[in-house]
Amino acid sequence: MTLRSICVFCGSRSGQDPAYQQAATDLGGRIAAEGWRLVYGAGDVGLMGAVANATQAAGGETFGVIPTHLMQLEVGKTDLSSFVVTENMHERKKVMFMNCDAIVVLPGGAGSLDEFFEVLTWRQLGLHDKPVVVLNINGYWDPLVGLLDHVIQKGFADASLKSFVSVVEDVDALTELLSTTLTEA
């Protein structure tokens, strides 16, 4: 069986709700338990650090990608199974995307939104058919879901745009969705 890799986009901060950190920790453990590999931004801070540390603690494989200019700010986690340093953010996103089978978006800020919209745009353009899943912990991403609805309602995207993204409320639902989706792929 081929190793499946889950790319996780998430914050380099933990946010104000402890549920975000808990979800990142739970997801990291679940990735390892399922025999999947974590692909992420290689930071050792915030939700990034939580998901990576939990994956490692559970014996999982980790693949981190970080641009040189963020090595200090995001505390580049060099003890990963694979650690790649890129020249810039664009290369980081490309390497992460090319090394995964599915994308999961946890709570995060502008960087996570940038990553989400890039893979969503690529999906809309038919450049990939990888699952894109938003983990909507305690409604964090409700405004994003509303924005997608707004874009469609105002005529700037076809209704099919929403079919390119799955929204789940917890790690159990996420695991079930990915297990089904990745088995079918």
N, C-alpha and C. Protein backbone atom coordinates (compact mmCIF):
# COMPACT_ATOMS: atom_id res chain seq x y z
N MET A 1 0.84 -1.20 0.00
CA MET A 1 0.00 0.00 0.00
C MET A 1 0.87 1.25 0.00
N THR A 2 0.49 2.23 -0.76
CA THR A 2 1.22 3.48 -0.87
C THR A 2 1.00 4.33 0.38
N LEU A 3 2.07 4.92 0.89
CA LEU A 3 1.95 5.84 2.02
C LEU A 3 1.14 7.05 1.58
N ARG A 4 0.13 7.38 2.33
CA ARG A 4 -0.68 8.56 2.03
C ARG A 4 -0.17 9.72 2.87
N SER A 5 -0.12 10.89 2.25
CA SER A 5 0.40 12.08 2.91
C SER A 5 -0.68 13.15 3.00
N ILE A 6 -0.80 13.70 4.19
CA ILE A 6 -1.80 14.73 4.47
C ILE A 6 -1.08 16.05 4.69
N CYS A 7 -1.34 17.01 3.82
CA CYS A 7 -0.78 18.35 3.98
C CYS A 7 -1.69 19.14 4.91
N VAL A 8 -1.11 19.68 5.97
CA VAL A 8 -1.88 20.46 6.93
C VAL A 8 -1.43 21.91 6.86
N PHE A 9 -2.36 22.77 6.51
CA PHE A 9 -2.14 24.22 6.57
C PHE A 9 -2.74 24.70 7.88
N CYS A 10 -1.97 25.45 8.68
CA CYS A 10 -2.48 25.92 9.96
C CYS A 10 -1.61 27.05 10.48
N GLY A 11 -2.05 27.63 11.57
CA GLY A 11 -1.40 28.79 12.13
C GLY A 11 -0.05 28.53 12.78
N SER A 12 0.82 29.53 12.69
CA SER A 12 2.08 29.51 13.42
C SER A 12 1.86 30.08 14.83
N ARG A 13 0.61 30.39 15.12
CA ARG A 13 0.17 30.77 16.46
C ARG A 13 -0.88 29.75 16.89
N SER A 14 -1.19 29.75 18.18
CA SER A 14 -2.16 28.78 18.69
C SER A 14 -3.58 29.31 18.72
N GLY A 15 -3.76 30.64 18.61
CA GLY A 15 -5.08 31.23 18.68
C GLY A 15 -5.58 31.29 20.11
N GLN A 16 -6.76 31.89 20.29
CA GLN A 16 -7.28 32.14 21.62
C GLN A 16 -8.08 30.98 22.20
N ASP A 17 -8.61 30.11 21.36
CA ASP A 17 -9.44 29.01 21.82
C ASP A 17 -8.58 27.77 21.99
N PRO A 18 -8.48 27.22 23.20
CA PRO A 18 -7.67 26.02 23.41
C PRO A 18 -8.11 24.83 22.54
N ALA A 19 -9.32 24.87 22.04
CA ALA A 19 -9.82 23.79 21.17
C ALA A 19 -9.00 23.70 19.88
N TYR A 20 -8.44 24.81 19.42
CA TYR A 20 -7.64 24.79 18.19
C TYR A 20 -6.38 23.95 18.41
N GLN A 21 -5.70 24.22 19.52
CA GLN A 21 -4.48 23.48 19.86
C GLN A 21 -4.81 22.00 20.07
N GLN A 22 -5.93 21.73 20.74
CA GLN A 22 -6.32 20.35 20.98
C GLN A 22 -6.60 19.63 19.66
N ALA A 23 -7.27 20.32 18.74
CA ALA A 23 -7.57 19.71 17.43
C ALA A 23 -6.28 19.40 16.67
N ALA A 24 -5.31 20.32 16.73
CA ALA A 24 -4.03 20.09 16.05
C ALA A 24 -3.31 18.89 16.65
N THR A 25 -3.33 18.79 17.97
CA THR A 25 -2.69 17.66 18.66
C THR A 25 -3.41 16.36 18.31
N ASP A 26 -4.74 16.39 18.35
CA ASP A 26 -5.52 15.20 18.00
C ASP A 26 -5.26 14.78 16.56
N LEU A 27 -5.21 15.75 15.67
CA LEU A 27 -4.97 15.44 14.26
C LEU A 27 -3.60 14.82 14.06
N GLY A 28 -2.59 15.36 14.71
CA GLY A 28 -1.24 14.79 14.59
C GLY A 28 -1.20 13.34 15.03
N GLY A 29 -1.84 13.05 16.15
CA GLY A 29 -1.90 11.67 16.63
C GLY A 29 -2.66 10.77 15.69
N ARG A 30 -3.73 11.30 15.12
CA ARG A 30 -4.56 10.50 14.22
C ARG A 30 -3.82 10.22 12.91
N ILE A 31 -3.08 11.21 12.42
CA ILE A 31 -2.30 11.00 11.19
C ILE A 31 -1.34 9.82 11.39
N ALA A 32 -0.65 9.81 12.53
CA ALA A 32 0.27 8.70 12.81
C ALA A 32 -0.48 7.39 12.96
N ALA A 33 -1.60 7.40 13.68
CA ALA A 33 -2.36 6.17 13.93
C ALA A 33 -2.89 5.56 12.63
N GLU A 34 -3.22 6.42 11.66
CA GLU A 34 -3.74 5.93 10.38
C GLU A 34 -2.63 5.47 9.44
N GLY A 35 -1.37 5.70 9.84
CA GLY A 35 -0.25 5.33 8.98
C GLY A 35 0.00 6.32 7.87
N TRP A 36 -0.51 7.53 8.04
CA TRP A 36 -0.30 8.58 7.05
C TRP A 36 0.94 9.38 7.42
N ARG A 37 1.43 10.17 6.48
CA ARG A 37 2.56 11.07 6.71
C ARG A 37 2.04 12.49 6.79
N LEU A 38 2.54 13.24 7.75
CA LEU A 38 2.22 14.66 7.86
C LEU A 38 3.14 15.47 6.94
N VAL A 39 2.54 16.30 6.10
CA VAL A 39 3.28 17.29 5.31
C VAL A 39 2.81 18.64 5.83
N TYR A 40 3.74 19.50 6.21
CA TYR A 40 3.34 20.79 6.80
C TYR A 40 4.47 21.80 6.68
N GLY A 41 4.28 22.97 7.26
CA GLY A 41 5.19 24.09 7.09
C GLY A 41 6.47 24.07 7.89
N ALA A 42 6.78 22.98 8.59
CA ALA A 42 8.06 22.76 9.27
C ALA A 42 8.34 23.67 10.46
N GLY A 43 7.32 24.37 10.94
CA GLY A 43 7.53 25.21 12.12
C GLY A 43 7.34 24.42 13.40
N ASP A 44 7.91 24.92 14.48
CA ASP A 44 7.78 24.28 15.79
C ASP A 44 7.05 25.21 16.75
N VAL A 45 6.18 26.04 16.19
CA VAL A 45 5.40 26.98 17.00
C VAL A 45 3.92 26.88 16.63
N GLY A 46 3.07 27.34 17.51
CA GLY A 46 1.64 27.40 17.24
C GLY A 46 1.04 26.05 16.91
N LEU A 47 0.01 26.08 16.06
CA LEU A 47 -0.66 24.85 15.66
C LEU A 47 0.26 23.97 14.82
N MET A 48 1.17 24.60 14.07
CA MET A 48 2.13 23.81 13.29
C MET A 48 2.96 22.92 14.21
N GLY A 49 3.49 23.49 15.26
CA GLY A 49 4.29 22.72 16.20
C GLY A 49 3.47 21.64 16.88
N ALA A 50 2.22 21.96 17.22
CA ALA A 50 1.36 21.00 17.91
C ALA A 50 1.09 19.78 17.05
N VAL A 51 0.74 19.99 15.79
CA VAL A 51 0.42 18.86 14.92
C VAL A 51 1.67 18.02 14.65
N ALA A 52 2.81 18.66 14.47
CA ALA A 52 4.05 17.92 14.21
C ALA A 52 4.52 17.15 15.43
N ASN A 53 4.51 17.79 16.59
CA ASN A 53 4.96 17.11 17.80
C ASN A 53 4.07 15.92 18.13
N ALA A 54 2.76 16.07 17.92
CA ALA A 54 1.83 14.96 18.19
C ALA A 54 2.05 13.81 17.20
N THR A 55 2.30 14.15 15.95
CA THR A 55 2.57 13.11 14.95
C THR A 55 3.83 12.34 15.33
N GLN A 56 4.88 13.08 15.68
CA GLN A 56 6.14 12.44 16.08
C GLN A 56 5.96 11.60 17.34
N ALA A 57 5.26 12.13 18.34
CA ALA A 57 5.07 11.42 19.61
C ALA A 57 4.35 10.09 19.40
N ALA A 58 3.48 10.04 18.37
CA ALA A 58 2.73 8.82 18.07
C ALA A 58 3.47 7.92 17.07
N GLY A 59 4.70 8.29 16.74
CA GLY A 59 5.52 7.45 15.87
C GLY A 59 5.29 7.67 14.39
N GLY A 60 4.66 8.78 14.02
CA GLY A 60 4.36 9.06 12.62
C GLY A 60 5.50 9.70 11.86
N GLU A 61 5.39 9.64 10.55
CA GLU A 61 6.38 10.23 9.66
C GLU A 61 6.01 11.69 9.39
N THR A 62 7.01 12.56 9.33
CA THR A 62 6.79 13.99 9.13
C THR A 62 7.65 14.52 7.99
N PHE A 63 7.05 15.39 7.20
CA PHE A 63 7.73 16.01 6.06
C PHE A 63 7.46 17.51 6.17
N GLY A 64 8.50 18.28 6.51
CA GLY A 64 8.33 19.71 6.72
C GLY A 64 9.02 20.52 5.64
N VAL A 65 8.40 21.65 5.29
CA VAL A 65 8.92 22.53 4.25
C VAL A 65 8.87 23.97 4.76
N ILE A 66 10.01 24.63 4.77
CA ILE A 66 10.07 25.99 5.30
C ILE A 66 10.99 26.86 4.44
N PRO A 67 10.59 28.10 4.17
CA PRO A 67 11.49 28.99 3.44
C PRO A 67 12.57 29.54 4.37
N THR A 68 13.72 29.86 3.80
CA THR A 68 14.86 30.32 4.60
C THR A 68 14.50 31.50 5.50
N HIS A 69 13.69 32.42 5.01
CA HIS A 69 13.41 33.63 5.79
C HIS A 69 12.50 33.38 7.00
N LEU A 70 11.92 32.19 7.12
CA LEU A 70 11.08 31.87 8.28
C LEU A 70 11.74 30.89 9.25
N MET A 71 12.96 30.50 8.98
CA MET A 71 13.64 29.52 9.85
C MET A 71 13.66 29.98 11.32
N GLN A 72 13.93 31.24 11.57
CA GLN A 72 13.97 31.73 12.95
C GLN A 72 12.58 32.05 13.47
N LEU A 73 11.79 32.75 12.69
CA LEU A 73 10.46 33.19 13.14
C LEU A 73 9.56 32.01 13.48
N GLU A 74 9.56 30.98 12.63
CA GLU A 74 8.69 29.82 12.86
C GLU A 74 9.43 28.67 13.54
N VAL A 75 10.68 28.92 13.96
CA VAL A 75 11.50 27.94 14.66
C VAL A 75 11.53 26.62 13.88
N GLY A 76 12.25 26.66 12.74
CA GLY A 76 12.33 25.49 11.87
C GLY A 76 12.62 24.20 12.64
N LYS A 77 11.75 23.23 12.49
CA LYS A 77 11.82 21.96 13.23
C LYS A 77 12.66 20.96 12.43
N THR A 78 13.93 20.90 12.76
CA THR A 78 14.88 20.12 11.96
C THR A 78 14.91 18.63 12.30
N ASP A 79 14.17 18.20 13.33
CA ASP A 79 14.19 16.78 13.71
C ASP A 79 13.07 15.97 13.05
N LEU A 80 12.59 16.44 11.91
CA LEU A 80 11.52 15.76 11.19
C LEU A 80 12.08 14.60 10.37
N SER A 81 11.21 13.72 9.90
CA SER A 81 11.64 12.62 9.03
C SER A 81 12.28 13.17 7.76
N SER A 82 11.67 14.24 7.21
CA SER A 82 12.20 14.94 6.04
C SER A 82 12.06 16.44 6.30
N PHE A 83 13.10 17.19 6.00
CA PHE A 83 13.11 18.63 6.26
C PHE A 83 13.65 19.33 5.02
N VAL A 84 12.81 20.16 4.39
CA VAL A 84 13.18 20.83 3.15
C VAL A 84 13.17 22.34 3.39
N VAL A 85 14.22 23.01 2.96
CA VAL A 85 14.29 24.46 3.04
C VAL A 85 14.18 25.01 1.63
N THR A 86 13.22 25.93 1.44
CA THR A 86 13.00 26.53 0.12
C THR A 86 13.48 27.98 0.13
N GLU A 87 13.53 28.55 -1.07
CA GLU A 87 13.96 29.94 -1.19
C GLU A 87 12.86 30.93 -0.83
N ASN A 88 11.59 30.54 -1.06
CA ASN A 88 10.50 31.49 -0.83
C ASN A 88 9.19 30.77 -0.50
N MET A 89 8.16 31.55 -0.23
CA MET A 89 6.86 31.00 0.15
C MET A 89 6.21 30.23 -1.00
N HIS A 90 6.36 30.74 -2.21
CA HIS A 90 5.75 30.06 -3.35
C HIS A 90 6.31 28.63 -3.50
N GLU A 91 7.62 28.51 -3.39
CA GLU A 91 8.24 27.18 -3.47
C GLU A 91 7.78 26.29 -2.32
N ARG A 92 7.62 26.88 -1.14
CA ARG A 92 7.15 26.11 0.01
C ARG A 92 5.80 25.48 -0.30
N LYS A 93 4.87 26.29 -0.77
CA LYS A 93 3.52 25.79 -1.08
C LYS A 93 3.58 24.71 -2.17
N LYS A 94 4.40 24.95 -3.17
CA LYS A 94 4.50 23.99 -4.28
C LYS A 94 5.04 22.64 -3.78
N VAL A 95 6.10 22.66 -2.99
CA VAL A 95 6.69 21.42 -2.49
C VAL A 95 5.71 20.70 -1.57
N MET A 96 5.03 21.43 -0.70
CA MET A 96 4.04 20.80 0.18
C MET A 96 2.94 20.15 -0.65
N PHE A 97 2.42 20.89 -1.62
CA PHE A 97 1.34 20.37 -2.44
C PHE A 97 1.77 19.14 -3.24
N MET A 98 2.94 19.19 -3.82
CA MET A 98 3.41 18.09 -4.67
C MET A 98 3.67 16.81 -3.86
N ASN A 99 3.82 16.94 -2.56
CA ASN A 99 4.14 15.80 -1.72
C ASN A 99 2.98 15.34 -0.85
N CYS A 100 1.74 15.65 -1.28
CA CYS A 100 0.59 15.22 -0.48
C CYS A 100 -0.50 14.61 -1.35
N ASP A 101 -1.39 13.90 -0.67
CA ASP A 101 -2.55 13.30 -1.31
C ASP A 101 -3.84 14.02 -0.96
N ALA A 102 -3.82 14.80 0.11
CA ALA A 102 -5.00 15.54 0.57
C ALA A 102 -4.52 16.76 1.34
N ILE A 103 -5.37 17.78 1.39
CA ILE A 103 -5.05 19.02 2.09
C ILE A 103 -6.08 19.24 3.18
N VAL A 104 -5.60 19.57 4.38
CA VAL A 104 -6.45 19.88 5.52
C VAL A 104 -6.10 21.28 5.99
N VAL A 105 -7.12 22.10 6.25
CA VAL A 105 -6.91 23.46 6.72
C VAL A 105 -7.45 23.60 8.13
N LEU A 106 -6.55 23.78 9.09
CA LEU A 106 -6.91 24.06 10.48
C LEU A 106 -7.00 25.57 10.66
N PRO A 107 -7.45 26.04 11.82
CA PRO A 107 -7.44 27.48 12.05
C PRO A 107 -6.06 28.08 11.80
N GLY A 108 -6.06 29.27 11.28
CA GLY A 108 -4.83 29.97 10.98
C GLY A 108 -5.13 31.38 10.52
N GLY A 109 -4.10 32.08 10.10
CA GLY A 109 -4.24 33.47 9.70
C GLY A 109 -4.09 33.66 8.20
N ALA A 110 -3.48 34.77 7.82
CA ALA A 110 -3.36 35.14 6.41
C ALA A 110 -2.59 34.09 5.62
N GLY A 111 -1.56 33.51 6.22
CA GLY A 111 -0.78 32.48 5.52
C GLY A 111 -1.62 31.25 5.21
N SER A 112 -2.42 30.83 6.17
CA SER A 112 -3.29 29.67 5.95
C SER A 112 -4.35 29.98 4.91
N LEU A 113 -4.87 31.19 4.92
CA LEU A 113 -5.85 31.59 3.90
C LEU A 113 -5.20 31.60 2.52
N ASP A 114 -3.99 32.12 2.43
CA ASP A 114 -3.26 32.13 1.16
C ASP A 114 -3.10 30.70 0.64
N GLU A 115 -2.68 29.80 1.51
CA GLU A 115 -2.48 28.42 1.12
C GLU A 115 -3.80 27.78 0.68
N PHE A 116 -4.85 28.02 1.44
CA PHE A 116 -6.17 27.47 1.10
C PHE A 116 -6.64 27.97 -0.27
N PHE A 117 -6.58 29.28 -0.48
CA PHE A 117 -7.10 29.82 -1.73
C PHE A 117 -6.26 29.40 -2.94
N GLU A 118 -4.97 29.20 -2.74
CA GLU A 118 -4.15 28.72 -3.86
C GLU A 118 -4.57 27.31 -4.28
N VAL A 119 -4.70 26.39 -3.32
CA VAL A 119 -5.08 25.02 -3.70
C VAL A 119 -6.53 24.96 -4.18
N LEU A 120 -7.40 25.83 -3.65
CA LEU A 120 -8.78 25.88 -4.13
C LEU A 120 -8.81 26.38 -5.58
N THR A 121 -8.05 27.40 -5.88
CA THR A 121 -7.98 27.93 -7.24
C THR A 121 -7.45 26.87 -8.20
N TRP A 122 -6.40 26.18 -7.81
CA TRP A 122 -5.85 25.12 -8.66
C TRP A 122 -6.90 24.05 -8.91
N ARG A 123 -7.68 23.74 -7.89
CA ARG A 123 -8.75 22.72 -8.02
C ARG A 123 -9.83 23.22 -8.97
N GLN A 124 -10.21 24.47 -8.82
CA GLN A 124 -11.24 25.09 -9.68
C GLN A 124 -10.79 25.08 -11.14
N LEU A 125 -9.51 25.26 -11.37
CA LEU A 125 -8.96 25.29 -12.72
C LEU A 125 -8.69 23.90 -13.29
N GLY A 126 -8.95 22.86 -12.48
CA GLY A 126 -8.75 21.50 -12.94
C GLY A 126 -7.31 21.03 -12.89
N LEU A 127 -6.47 21.70 -12.11
CA LEU A 127 -5.07 21.32 -12.03
C LEU A 127 -4.81 20.17 -11.06
N HIS A 128 -5.80 19.85 -10.22
CA HIS A 128 -5.69 18.71 -9.32
C HIS A 128 -7.08 18.27 -8.90
N ASP A 129 -7.14 17.08 -8.32
CA ASP A 129 -8.41 16.60 -7.77
C ASP A 129 -8.23 16.06 -6.36
N LYS A 130 -7.23 16.58 -5.66
CA LYS A 130 -6.97 16.17 -4.28
C LYS A 130 -8.07 16.73 -3.36
N PRO A 131 -8.44 15.95 -2.35
CA PRO A 131 -9.42 16.47 -1.39
C PRO A 131 -8.87 17.69 -0.65
N VAL A 132 -9.72 18.69 -0.47
CA VAL A 132 -9.40 19.87 0.32
C VAL A 132 -10.45 19.93 1.43
N VAL A 133 -9.99 19.81 2.67
CA VAL A 133 -10.90 19.72 3.80
C VAL A 133 -10.61 20.82 4.80
N VAL A 134 -11.64 21.57 5.16
CA VAL A 134 -11.53 22.63 6.17
C VAL A 134 -12.01 22.04 7.49
N LEU A 135 -11.15 22.08 8.50
CA LEU A 135 -11.50 21.63 9.84
C LEU A 135 -12.02 22.84 10.61
N ASN A 136 -13.32 22.92 10.72
CA ASN A 136 -14.02 24.11 11.24
C ASN A 136 -14.25 23.98 12.75
N ILE A 137 -13.18 24.05 13.51
CA ILE A 137 -13.25 23.90 14.97
C ILE A 137 -14.00 25.08 15.59
N ASN A 138 -15.05 24.76 16.32
CA ASN A 138 -15.87 25.77 17.01
C ASN A 138 -16.28 26.92 16.10
N GLY A 139 -16.54 26.60 14.83
CA GLY A 139 -17.02 27.61 13.89
C GLY A 139 -15.97 28.59 13.40
N TYR A 140 -14.70 28.29 13.64
CA TYR A 140 -13.64 29.23 13.25
C TYR A 140 -13.75 29.65 11.79
N TRP A 141 -14.02 28.71 10.91
CA TRP A 141 -14.05 29.00 9.48
C TRP A 141 -15.44 29.37 8.95
N ASP A 142 -16.42 29.60 9.82
CA ASP A 142 -17.74 30.01 9.35
C ASP A 142 -17.69 31.24 8.43
N PRO A 143 -16.89 32.26 8.77
CA PRO A 143 -16.81 33.41 7.85
C PRO A 143 -16.24 33.04 6.47
N LEU A 144 -15.32 32.10 6.42
CA LEU A 144 -14.77 31.64 5.14
C LEU A 144 -15.84 30.94 4.32
N VAL A 145 -16.60 30.07 4.95
CA VAL A 145 -17.69 29.38 4.26
C VAL A 145 -18.70 30.40 3.75
N GLY A 146 -18.99 31.41 4.58
CA GLY A 146 -19.89 32.49 4.16
C GLY A 146 -19.34 33.28 2.99
N LEU A 147 -18.03 33.50 2.98
CA LEU A 147 -17.41 34.22 1.87
C LEU A 147 -17.53 33.43 0.58
N LEU A 148 -17.32 32.14 0.63
CA LEU A 148 -17.47 31.31 -0.57
C LEU A 148 -18.91 31.38 -1.08
N ASP A 149 -19.88 31.32 -0.17
CA ASP A 149 -21.29 31.47 -0.56
C ASP A 149 -21.53 32.83 -1.21
N HIS A 150 -20.96 33.87 -0.62
CA HIS A 150 -21.12 35.24 -1.14
C HIS A 150 -20.55 35.37 -2.55
N VAL A 151 -19.36 34.81 -2.77
CA VAL A 151 -18.72 34.87 -4.08
C VAL A 151 -19.60 34.19 -5.13
N ILE A 152 -20.18 33.07 -4.75
CA ILE A 152 -21.08 32.35 -5.67
C ILE A 152 -22.36 33.16 -5.90
N GLN A 153 -22.96 33.66 -4.82
CA GLN A 153 -24.22 34.40 -4.93
C GLN A 153 -24.08 35.68 -5.76
N LYS A 154 -22.91 36.29 -5.73
CA LYS A 154 -22.68 37.52 -6.47
C LYS A 154 -22.18 37.27 -7.89
N GLY A 155 -22.12 36.01 -8.29
CA GLY A 155 -21.80 35.69 -9.68
C GLY A 155 -20.33 35.63 -10.04
N PHE A 156 -19.45 35.53 -9.05
CA PHE A 156 -18.02 35.48 -9.35
C PHE A 156 -17.45 34.07 -9.35
N ALA A 157 -18.30 33.10 -9.09
CA ALA A 157 -17.89 31.69 -9.17
C ALA A 157 -19.14 30.85 -9.39
N ASP A 158 -18.94 29.72 -10.03
CA ASP A 158 -20.02 28.78 -10.21
C ASP A 158 -20.29 28.06 -8.88
N ALA A 159 -21.50 27.58 -8.71
CA ALA A 159 -21.87 26.88 -7.48
C ALA A 159 -20.98 25.66 -7.24
N SER A 160 -20.37 25.15 -8.30
CA SER A 160 -19.48 23.99 -8.16
C SER A 160 -18.27 24.29 -7.27
N LEU A 161 -17.95 25.56 -7.07
CA LEU A 161 -16.81 25.93 -6.23
C LEU A 161 -16.89 25.26 -4.86
N LYS A 162 -18.09 25.24 -4.29
CA LYS A 162 -18.25 24.65 -2.95
C LYS A 162 -18.05 23.14 -2.96
N SER A 163 -18.22 22.51 -4.11
CA SER A 163 -18.03 21.06 -4.16
C SER A 163 -16.55 20.67 -4.10
N PHE A 164 -15.68 21.64 -4.24
CA PHE A 164 -14.24 21.37 -4.19
C PHE A 164 -13.70 21.38 -2.77
N VAL A 165 -14.54 21.75 -1.81
CA VAL A 165 -14.11 21.88 -0.42
C VAL A 165 -15.09 21.11 0.46
N SER A 166 -14.56 20.31 1.37
CA SER A 166 -15.39 19.67 2.38
C SER A 166 -15.15 20.39 3.70
N VAL A 167 -16.20 20.59 4.46
CA VAL A 167 -16.08 21.25 5.76
C VAL A 167 -16.54 20.25 6.82
N VAL A 168 -15.67 19.99 7.79
CA VAL A 168 -15.99 19.09 8.89
C VAL A 168 -15.76 19.80 10.21
N GLU A 169 -16.42 19.29 11.25
CA GLU A 169 -16.40 19.99 12.54
C GLU A 169 -15.40 19.43 13.54
N ASP A 170 -14.90 18.21 13.31
CA ASP A 170 -13.98 17.62 14.29
C ASP A 170 -13.04 16.62 13.62
N VAL A 171 -12.05 16.19 14.39
CA VAL A 171 -11.02 15.30 13.86
C VAL A 171 -11.58 13.93 13.51
N ASP A 172 -12.58 13.45 14.26
CA ASP A 172 -13.20 12.16 13.92
C ASP A 172 -13.83 12.21 12.53
N ALA A 173 -14.61 13.25 12.27
CA ALA A 173 -15.25 13.39 10.96
C ALA A 173 -14.20 13.55 9.86
N LEU A 174 -13.15 14.27 10.15
CA LEU A 174 -12.06 14.47 9.18
C LEU A 174 -11.40 13.12 8.85
N THR A 175 -11.10 12.35 9.88
CA THR A 175 -10.45 11.06 9.67
C THR A 175 -11.34 10.13 8.84
N GLU A 176 -12.62 10.11 9.16
CA GLU A 176 -13.55 9.27 8.42
C GLU A 176 -13.60 9.68 6.95
N LEU A 177 -13.69 10.97 6.71
CA LEU A 177 -13.73 11.49 5.34
C LEU A 177 -12.47 11.14 4.57
N LEU A 178 -11.30 11.38 5.18
CA LEU A 178 -10.04 11.10 4.51
C LEU A 178 -9.84 9.60 4.30
N SER A 179 -10.22 8.79 5.27
CA SER A 179 -10.07 7.34 5.12
C SER A 179 -10.86 6.85 3.91
N THR A 180 -12.08 7.34 3.77
CA THR A 180 -12.93 6.96 2.64
C THR A 180 -12.37 7.50 1.33
N THR A 181 -12.03 8.77 1.32
CA THR A 181 -11.55 9.43 0.11
C THR A 181 -10.23 8.85 -0.38
N LEU A 182 -9.30 8.62 0.54
CA LEU A 182 -7.99 8.15 0.13
C LEU A 182 -8.02 6.67 -0.26
N THR A 183 -8.97 5.91 0.28
CA THR A 183 -9.13 4.52 -0.12
C THR A 183 -9.65 4.41 -1.54
N GLU A 184 -10.55 5.35 -1.89
CA GLU A 184 -11.14 5.34 -3.23
C GLU A 184 -10.17 5.83 -4.29
N ALA A 185 -9.19 6.63 -3.90
CA ALA A 185 -8.26 7.24 -4.87
C ALA A 185 -7.30 6.24 -5.44
